[in-house]
């Protein structure tokens, strides 16, 4: 599994391959938004993230998102997460200029 943090106000995505990383959800935000993409949920999750009802914004309840990808293939998981970030950038132009980093 690979996890990625997407921040909207300071546009960027940070990927984590090591699930024991202390940076994962370190803020322990109440009601943190998460999406978990797997073989069985791929179509549904992609539809949810592209839906007009999915929003990102500067408000604390909308400003970030944790996405996990679980396909038993780290390279494919990273490719899926990069693709998701690119799709989000089409709807939320601020993300278009945000870097993608790998933390661990």
N, C-alpha and C. Protein backbone atom coordinates (compact mmCIF):
# COMPACT_ATOMS: atom_id res chain seq x y z
N UNK A 1 0.84 -1.17 0.00
CA UNK A 1 0.00 0.00 0.00
C UNK A 1 0.89 1.24 0.00
N UNK A 2 0.44 2.24 -0.73
CA UNK A 2 1.10 3.54 -0.76
C UNK A 2 0.06 4.57 -0.35
N UNK A 3 0.47 5.50 0.52
CA UNK A 3 -0.43 6.56 0.95
C UNK A 3 0.09 7.89 0.46
N UNK A 4 -0.84 8.79 0.15
CA UNK A 4 -0.45 10.12 -0.32
C UNK A 4 -1.29 11.17 0.37
N UNK A 5 -0.65 12.26 0.72
CA UNK A 5 -1.32 13.40 1.33
C UNK A 5 -1.42 14.50 0.29
N UNK A 6 -2.62 15.02 0.09
CA UNK A 6 -2.85 16.12 -0.84
C UNK A 6 -3.26 17.34 -0.02
N UNK A 7 -2.54 18.43 -0.23
CA UNK A 7 -2.87 19.69 0.45
C UNK A 7 -3.30 20.69 -0.61
N UNK A 8 -4.40 21.37 -0.36
CA UNK A 8 -4.92 22.33 -1.34
C UNK A 8 -4.36 23.74 -1.14
N UNK A 9 -4.41 24.33 0.08
CA UNK A 9 -3.92 25.71 0.22
C UNK A 9 -2.44 25.87 -0.15
N UNK A 10 -1.63 24.90 0.22
CA UNK A 10 -0.23 24.86 -0.19
C UNK A 10 -0.12 23.67 -1.11
N UNK A 11 -0.41 23.86 -2.39
CA UNK A 11 -0.61 22.73 -3.30
C UNK A 11 0.60 21.81 -3.42
N UNK A 12 0.37 20.57 -3.04
CA UNK A 12 1.38 19.54 -3.20
C UNK A 12 0.78 18.18 -2.85
N UNK A 13 1.47 17.14 -3.28
CA UNK A 13 1.14 15.79 -2.88
C UNK A 13 2.42 15.14 -2.39
N UNK A 14 2.34 14.46 -1.24
CA UNK A 14 3.47 13.76 -0.67
C UNK A 14 3.11 12.29 -0.54
N UNK A 15 3.93 11.42 -1.13
CA UNK A 15 3.68 9.98 -1.09
C UNK A 15 4.53 9.30 -0.02
N UNK A 16 3.93 8.28 0.57
CA UNK A 16 4.58 7.49 1.61
C UNK A 16 4.44 6.01 1.26
N UNK A 17 5.57 5.33 1.08
CA UNK A 17 5.57 3.89 0.82
C UNK A 17 5.73 3.10 2.11
N UNK A 18 6.34 3.72 3.11
CA UNK A 18 6.55 3.07 4.41
C UNK A 18 5.37 3.42 5.31
N UNK A 19 4.52 2.43 5.59
CA UNK A 19 3.30 2.70 6.36
C UNK A 19 3.56 2.98 7.83
N UNK A 20 4.77 2.75 8.30
CA UNK A 20 5.12 3.06 9.68
C UNK A 20 5.66 4.48 9.82
N UNK A 21 5.70 5.23 8.73
CA UNK A 21 6.23 6.60 8.74
C UNK A 21 5.43 7.46 9.72
N UNK A 22 6.13 8.16 10.58
CA UNK A 22 5.48 9.00 11.59
C UNK A 22 4.82 10.25 10.99
N UNK A 23 5.12 10.56 9.74
CA UNK A 23 4.52 11.71 9.08
C UNK A 23 3.09 11.42 8.59
N UNK A 24 2.73 10.15 8.49
CA UNK A 24 1.39 9.79 8.02
C UNK A 24 0.39 10.16 9.09
N UNK A 25 -0.52 11.06 8.73
CA UNK A 25 -1.59 11.52 9.61
C UNK A 25 -1.08 12.03 10.96
N UNK A 26 0.07 12.68 10.96
CA UNK A 26 0.65 13.13 12.22
C UNK A 26 -0.20 14.19 12.92
N UNK A 27 -1.00 14.92 12.17
CA UNK A 27 -1.82 15.96 12.79
C UNK A 27 -3.08 15.38 13.46
N UNK A 28 -3.41 14.13 13.14
CA UNK A 28 -4.58 13.46 13.70
C UNK A 28 -5.81 14.36 13.65
N UNK A 29 -6.05 14.89 12.47
CA UNK A 29 -7.16 15.81 12.24
C UNK A 29 -8.50 15.10 12.43
N UNK A 30 -9.37 15.71 13.18
CA UNK A 30 -10.71 15.17 13.38
C UNK A 30 -11.44 15.16 12.04
N UNK A 31 -12.11 14.06 11.75
CA UNK A 31 -12.87 13.90 10.50
C UNK A 31 -11.99 14.07 9.26
N UNK A 32 -10.76 13.57 9.34
CA UNK A 32 -9.85 13.63 8.19
C UNK A 32 -10.46 12.89 7.00
N UNK A 33 -10.47 13.52 5.85
CA UNK A 33 -11.00 12.88 4.65
C UNK A 33 -9.99 11.89 4.11
N UNK A 34 -10.47 10.71 3.77
CA UNK A 34 -9.62 9.66 3.22
C UNK A 34 -10.35 8.96 2.08
N UNK A 35 -9.56 8.49 1.14
CA UNK A 35 -10.07 7.66 0.05
C UNK A 35 -9.10 6.49 -0.07
N UNK A 36 -9.63 5.28 -0.13
CA UNK A 36 -8.81 4.09 -0.26
C UNK A 36 -9.14 3.42 -1.59
N UNK A 37 -8.18 3.42 -2.50
CA UNK A 37 -8.40 2.89 -3.84
C UNK A 37 -7.80 1.47 -3.92
N UNK A 38 -8.64 0.51 -4.33
CA UNK A 38 -8.22 -0.87 -4.51
C UNK A 38 -8.75 -1.37 -5.85
N UNK A 39 -8.42 -2.62 -6.18
CA UNK A 39 -8.96 -3.22 -7.42
C UNK A 39 -10.48 -3.14 -7.42
N UNK A 40 -11.09 -3.47 -6.29
CA UNK A 40 -12.54 -3.54 -6.23
C UNK A 40 -13.25 -2.21 -6.17
N UNK A 41 -12.53 -1.15 -5.78
CA UNK A 41 -13.18 0.16 -5.62
C UNK A 41 -12.70 1.20 -6.62
N UNK A 42 -11.81 0.81 -7.52
CA UNK A 42 -11.16 1.77 -8.43
C UNK A 42 -12.17 2.66 -9.15
N UNK A 43 -13.14 2.07 -9.83
CA UNK A 43 -14.10 2.85 -10.62
C UNK A 43 -14.92 3.78 -9.74
N UNK A 44 -15.39 3.27 -8.61
CA UNK A 44 -16.20 4.07 -7.69
C UNK A 44 -15.40 5.24 -7.14
N UNK A 45 -14.18 4.96 -6.69
CA UNK A 45 -13.35 6.01 -6.10
C UNK A 45 -12.95 7.07 -7.12
N UNK A 46 -12.62 6.65 -8.32
CA UNK A 46 -12.26 7.62 -9.36
C UNK A 46 -13.48 8.49 -9.68
N UNK A 47 -14.64 7.89 -9.73
CA UNK A 47 -15.87 8.65 -9.96
C UNK A 47 -16.13 9.64 -8.85
N UNK A 48 -15.90 9.22 -7.61
CA UNK A 48 -16.11 10.11 -6.46
C UNK A 48 -15.18 11.31 -6.53
N UNK A 49 -13.91 11.07 -6.83
CA UNK A 49 -12.94 12.17 -6.86
C UNK A 49 -13.18 13.12 -8.03
N UNK A 50 -13.81 12.66 -9.09
CA UNK A 50 -14.09 13.52 -10.24
C UNK A 50 -15.49 14.14 -10.18
N UNK A 51 -16.27 13.72 -9.20
CA UNK A 51 -17.63 14.21 -9.06
C UNK A 51 -17.66 15.69 -8.67
N UNK A 52 -18.67 16.38 -9.13
CA UNK A 52 -18.85 17.80 -8.77
C UNK A 52 -19.10 17.95 -7.27
N UNK A 53 -19.54 16.89 -6.60
CA UNK A 53 -19.80 16.98 -5.16
C UNK A 53 -18.51 16.93 -4.34
N UNK A 54 -17.41 16.41 -4.93
CA UNK A 54 -16.12 16.40 -4.24
C UNK A 54 -15.50 17.78 -4.36
N UNK A 55 -15.16 18.35 -3.21
CA UNK A 55 -14.62 19.71 -3.21
C UNK A 55 -13.31 19.80 -2.45
N UNK A 56 -12.48 20.73 -2.86
CA UNK A 56 -11.29 21.14 -2.13
C UNK A 56 -11.37 22.64 -1.96
N UNK A 57 -10.89 23.15 -0.83
CA UNK A 57 -10.93 24.58 -0.59
C UNK A 57 -10.07 24.96 0.59
N UNK A 58 -10.05 26.24 0.89
CA UNK A 58 -9.20 26.76 1.96
C UNK A 58 -9.79 26.52 3.35
N UNK A 59 -11.03 26.08 3.44
CA UNK A 59 -11.67 25.77 4.71
C UNK A 59 -11.03 24.51 5.31
N UNK A 60 -10.90 24.45 6.64
CA UNK A 60 -10.24 23.32 7.30
C UNK A 60 -10.87 21.98 6.96
N UNK A 61 -12.17 21.95 6.71
CA UNK A 61 -12.82 20.68 6.40
C UNK A 61 -12.60 20.23 4.95
N UNK A 62 -12.09 21.13 4.11
CA UNK A 62 -11.91 20.84 2.69
C UNK A 62 -10.48 20.97 2.19
N UNK A 63 -9.54 21.31 3.07
CA UNK A 63 -8.22 21.72 2.59
C UNK A 63 -7.22 20.59 2.35
N UNK A 64 -7.57 19.36 2.71
CA UNK A 64 -6.62 18.29 2.47
C UNK A 64 -7.33 16.95 2.34
N UNK A 65 -6.52 15.93 2.01
CA UNK A 65 -7.08 14.61 1.74
C UNK A 65 -5.95 13.59 1.81
N UNK A 66 -6.22 12.44 2.41
CA UNK A 66 -5.30 11.30 2.38
C UNK A 66 -5.88 10.28 1.41
N UNK A 67 -5.05 9.81 0.49
CA UNK A 67 -5.46 8.80 -0.48
C UNK A 67 -4.53 7.60 -0.32
N UNK A 68 -5.10 6.42 -0.21
CA UNK A 68 -4.26 5.22 -0.20
C UNK A 68 -4.58 4.39 -1.43
N UNK A 69 -3.56 3.77 -1.97
CA UNK A 69 -3.70 2.90 -3.14
C UNK A 69 -3.12 1.54 -2.75
N UNK A 70 -3.94 0.50 -2.91
CA UNK A 70 -3.49 -0.84 -2.53
C UNK A 70 -3.70 -1.80 -3.69
N UNK A 71 -2.59 -2.09 -4.38
CA UNK A 71 -2.62 -2.98 -5.53
C UNK A 71 -1.50 -4.02 -5.49
N UNK A 72 -0.79 -4.11 -4.37
CA UNK A 72 0.33 -5.05 -4.21
C UNK A 72 1.42 -4.84 -5.26
N UNK A 73 1.55 -3.60 -5.71
CA UNK A 73 2.56 -3.24 -6.69
C UNK A 73 2.91 -1.76 -6.47
N UNK A 74 3.98 -1.47 -5.73
CA UNK A 74 4.31 -0.09 -5.38
C UNK A 74 4.43 0.86 -6.58
N UNK A 75 4.97 0.38 -7.69
CA UNK A 75 5.11 1.24 -8.87
C UNK A 75 3.75 1.60 -9.45
N UNK A 76 2.85 0.63 -9.50
CA UNK A 76 1.50 0.90 -10.01
C UNK A 76 0.74 1.81 -9.05
N UNK A 77 0.90 1.58 -7.75
CA UNK A 77 0.24 2.42 -6.75
C UNK A 77 0.68 3.88 -6.91
N UNK A 78 1.97 4.09 -7.10
CA UNK A 78 2.47 5.45 -7.31
C UNK A 78 1.90 6.05 -8.59
N UNK A 79 1.82 5.25 -9.64
CA UNK A 79 1.26 5.74 -10.90
C UNK A 79 -0.21 6.13 -10.73
N UNK A 80 -0.96 5.33 -9.99
CA UNK A 80 -2.37 5.64 -9.73
C UNK A 80 -2.48 6.95 -8.96
N UNK A 81 -1.67 7.11 -7.92
CA UNK A 81 -1.73 8.34 -7.12
C UNK A 81 -1.33 9.57 -7.93
N UNK A 82 -0.34 9.44 -8.77
CA UNK A 82 0.05 10.55 -9.65
C UNK A 82 -1.09 10.90 -10.62
N UNK A 83 -1.74 9.88 -11.13
CA UNK A 83 -2.87 10.10 -12.04
C UNK A 83 -4.03 10.79 -11.31
N UNK A 84 -4.32 10.37 -10.11
CA UNK A 84 -5.38 11.01 -9.31
C UNK A 84 -5.05 12.48 -9.10
N UNK A 85 -3.80 12.78 -8.76
CA UNK A 85 -3.41 14.18 -8.53
C UNK A 85 -3.55 15.00 -9.81
N UNK A 86 -3.19 14.40 -10.94
CA UNK A 86 -3.35 15.09 -12.23
C UNK A 86 -4.82 15.36 -12.52
N UNK A 87 -5.68 14.37 -12.26
CA UNK A 87 -7.12 14.57 -12.46
C UNK A 87 -7.66 15.66 -11.54
N UNK A 88 -7.22 15.66 -10.29
CA UNK A 88 -7.66 16.70 -9.37
C UNK A 88 -7.20 18.07 -9.87
N UNK A 89 -6.01 18.13 -10.46
CA UNK A 89 -5.50 19.38 -11.00
C UNK A 89 -6.33 19.92 -12.15
N UNK A 90 -7.03 19.06 -12.85
CA UNK A 90 -7.91 19.53 -13.93
C UNK A 90 -9.12 20.26 -13.37
N UNK A 91 -9.57 19.87 -12.20
CA UNK A 91 -10.72 20.53 -11.58
C UNK A 91 -10.30 21.67 -10.65
N UNK A 92 -9.17 21.51 -9.99
CA UNK A 92 -8.70 22.49 -9.01
C UNK A 92 -7.35 23.01 -9.50
N UNK A 93 -7.39 24.10 -10.26
CA UNK A 93 -6.21 24.58 -10.97
C UNK A 93 -5.03 24.86 -10.05
N UNK A 94 -5.28 25.18 -8.81
CA UNK A 94 -4.19 25.44 -7.87
C UNK A 94 -3.25 24.23 -7.78
N UNK A 95 -3.80 23.03 -7.89
CA UNK A 95 -2.99 21.82 -7.77
C UNK A 95 -2.11 21.58 -8.99
N UNK A 96 -2.41 22.21 -10.11
CA UNK A 96 -1.64 22.00 -11.34
C UNK A 96 -0.17 22.36 -11.16
N UNK A 97 0.11 23.35 -10.33
CA UNK A 97 1.49 23.78 -10.14
C UNK A 97 2.14 23.14 -8.91
N UNK A 98 1.37 22.33 -8.19
CA UNK A 98 1.89 21.72 -6.96
C UNK A 98 2.80 20.53 -7.25
N UNK A 99 3.91 20.45 -6.56
CA UNK A 99 4.84 19.35 -6.78
C UNK A 99 4.34 18.04 -6.18
N UNK A 100 4.88 16.96 -6.68
CA UNK A 100 4.64 15.62 -6.12
C UNK A 100 5.97 15.16 -5.55
N UNK A 101 5.95 14.86 -4.25
CA UNK A 101 7.18 14.44 -3.57
C UNK A 101 6.98 13.05 -2.99
N UNK A 102 8.08 12.32 -2.87
CA UNK A 102 8.06 11.05 -2.16
C UNK A 102 8.81 11.24 -0.86
N UNK A 103 8.14 10.99 0.25
CA UNK A 103 8.77 11.16 1.56
C UNK A 103 9.55 9.92 1.97
N UNK A 104 8.93 8.77 1.81
CA UNK A 104 9.60 7.53 2.22
C UNK A 104 9.12 6.37 1.37
